[in-house]
Amino acid sequence: RMKTNGVGDIEWNRDVLEEIQASIADEKAEVKIAKSANERLGELLVGIRQGSNGLFNRLLPFHSTLFLAEEAPKFGDIDLTNATQVASEVLEVIQFTEKTLGKILSEIGGIRLV
């Protein structure tokens, strides 16, 4: 028998130990699933960042000729471990590329803006 902190006596028999071990196994499985999902999401975000930066670099030379009211974003060093800063930069890049590409396509008659 083992005495717990003020709760009373608990007999540590096989059923209790098996229940605890099953609970631990369930928690480990949940952690494994969450870790896997987190890694996939991280890879997705890296891909989005790389793609948006590639499009940004391709459209940047056209920015000055399109007479857009806004300046092109300028980025300094960012901390890649700071998810908020990285997400903010990616959003800014995507917004810039959307406006620039939209302006280019409207100028050449490629799309009708809604």
Foldseek 3Di string as FASTA:
>chain_A
DDADDPPGDDDDDPVNVVVVVVVVVVVVVVVVVVVVVVVVVVVVLVVLLVVLVVLLVVLVVCVVVLPDPDDQDDDDDDDPVPVVVSVVVSVSSVVVSVVSVVSVCVVVVNDDDD
